[in-house]
Amino acid sequence: AGTPDSVLYDDDDLHWHLTTEDSNTLLVQVLRGKRLLGELLVDPEQISYVQIAPPERPDEHLFELMVENEQERFAAYHFALIHGIDEQDGSFSPGRVH
């Protein structure tokens, strides 16, 4: 997970915690036990859409959270999953939609 300026890497003994800090901020934290190693604050109001980038390997899934305005378009945040995605039961509850 990361931004153009920083990246949080995973390892076998790390745990990811996804939560909200307040009504306008999403929080991604990486921990070892109870010790916080890094966190990423996501402002969902900035995100125009999410795109899936082409994988470099078969079990990789790269999601880019895109910001788009009159001057530019760029991936403000990215999340990489390096394993399969489990199938869900089909029920889906969408969050923010622009």
Protein backbone atom coordinates (compact mmCIF):
# COMPACT_ATOMS: atom_id res chain seq x y z
CA ALA A 1 0.00 0.00 0.00
CA GLY A 2 1.32 3.46 -0.69
CA THR A 3 1.34 6.87 -2.28
CA PRO A 4 3.72 8.46 -4.79
CA ASP A 5 5.87 9.49 -1.79
CA SER A 6 5.75 6.46 0.53
CA VAL A 7 5.10 2.72 0.62
CA LEU A 8 4.08 0.30 3.38
CA TYR A 9 5.37 -3.23 2.76
CA ASP A 10 3.92 -6.49 4.04
CA ASP A 11 5.71 -9.40 5.72
CA ASP A 12 4.64 -12.70 7.29
CA ASP A 13 4.58 -11.36 10.87
CA LEU A 14 2.71 -8.13 10.06
CA HIS A 15 -0.99 -7.38 10.40
CA TRP A 16 -3.02 -4.86 8.38
CA HIS A 17 -5.76 -2.83 10.04
CA LEU A 18 -8.27 -0.88 7.93
CA THR A 19 -10.56 1.56 9.73
CA THR A 20 -11.88 5.13 9.77
CA GLU A 21 -10.28 7.90 11.77
CA ASP A 22 -13.26 10.22 11.36
CA SER A 23 -16.07 10.69 8.86
CA ASN A 24 -13.65 12.13 6.26
CA THR A 25 -10.53 9.98 6.73
CA LEU A 26 -9.86 6.31 6.07
CA LEU A 27 -6.90 4.77 7.88
CA VAL A 28 -4.63 1.93 6.72
CA GLN A 29 -2.22 0.70 9.40
CA VAL A 30 0.47 -1.98 9.38
CA LEU A 31 1.35 -3.48 12.78
CA ARG A 32 3.68 -6.04 14.31
CA GLY A 33 1.82 -7.36 17.33
CA LYS A 34 0.46 -4.22 19.00
CA ARG A 35 3.24 -1.99 17.67
CA LEU A 36 2.29 0.44 14.89
CA LEU A 37 4.93 0.38 12.14
CA GLY A 38 3.28 2.70 9.63
CA GLU A 39 0.00 4.20 8.56
CA LEU A 40 -1.58 5.75 5.51
CA LEU A 41 -4.37 8.32 5.70
CA VAL A 42 -6.78 8.27 2.75
CA ASP A 43 -9.09 11.19 1.98
CA PRO A 44 -11.97 9.51 0.10
CA GLU A 45 -13.34 12.86 -1.10
CA GLN A 46 -10.24 13.26 -3.32
CA ILE A 47 -10.71 9.92 -5.08
CA SER A 48 -12.43 10.13 -8.46
CA TYR A 49 -12.35 6.40 -9.23
CA VAL A 50 -10.42 3.16 -8.70
CA GLN A 51 -8.68 1.41 -11.57
CA ILE A 52 -7.12 -2.03 -11.74
CA ALA A 53 -3.64 -2.02 -13.27
CA PRO A 54 -2.39 -4.90 -15.42
CA PRO A 55 -0.72 -7.57 -13.24
CA GLU A 56 3.00 -8.30 -13.45
CA ARG A 57 2.35 -11.87 -12.24
CA PRO A 58 -0.74 -14.12 -12.26
CA ASP A 59 -1.51 -13.85 -8.52
CA GLU A 60 -1.05 -10.06 -8.33
CA HIS A 61 -3.86 -7.51 -8.16
CA LEU A 62 -2.94 -3.80 -8.21
CA PHE A 63 -5.60 -1.21 -7.40
CA GLU A 64 -4.93 2.48 -8.02
CA LEU A 65 -7.09 5.16 -6.38
CA MET A 66 -7.16 7.92 -8.97
CA VAL A 67 -7.48 11.66 -8.51
CA GLU A 68 -8.66 13.54 -11.57
CA ASN A 69 -9.25 17.24 -12.09
CA GLU A 70 -8.93 19.79 -14.90
CA GLN A 71 -5.12 19.93 -14.66
CA GLU A 72 -4.05 16.34 -13.96
CA ARG A 73 -4.88 12.70 -13.39
CA PHE A 74 -2.72 10.53 -11.12
CA ALA A 75 -2.74 7.55 -8.77
CA ALA A 76 -2.86 9.14 -5.32
CA TYR A 77 -2.84 5.75 -3.54
CA HIS A 78 -2.16 2.17 -4.57
CA PHE A 79 -2.85 -1.21 -3.01
CA ALA A 80 -1.25 -4.45 -4.22
CA LEU A 81 -2.57 -7.90 -3.34
CA ILE A 82 -0.16 -10.73 -4.05
CA HIS A 83 -2.50 -13.70 -3.67
CA GLY A 84 -5.85 -14.82 -4.96
CA ILE A 85 -9.04 -12.91 -4.30
CA ASP A 86 -11.66 -14.98 -2.46
CA GLU A 87 -15.08 -15.15 -4.06
CA GLN A 88 -17.80 -13.46 -2.02
CA ASP A 89 -21.39 -14.53 -1.50
CA GLY A 90 -22.61 -12.03 -4.10
CA SER A 91 -23.99 -9.42 -1.72
CA PHE A 92 -22.37 -6.03 -2.13
CA SER A 93 -22.91 -2.82 -0.26
CA PRO A 94 -21.26 0.06 -2.14
CA GLY A 95 -19.70 2.94 -0.26
CA ARG A 96 -18.91 6.22 -1.92
CA VAL A 97 -19.78 6.61 -5.58
CA HIS A 98 -18.83 9.70 -7.54
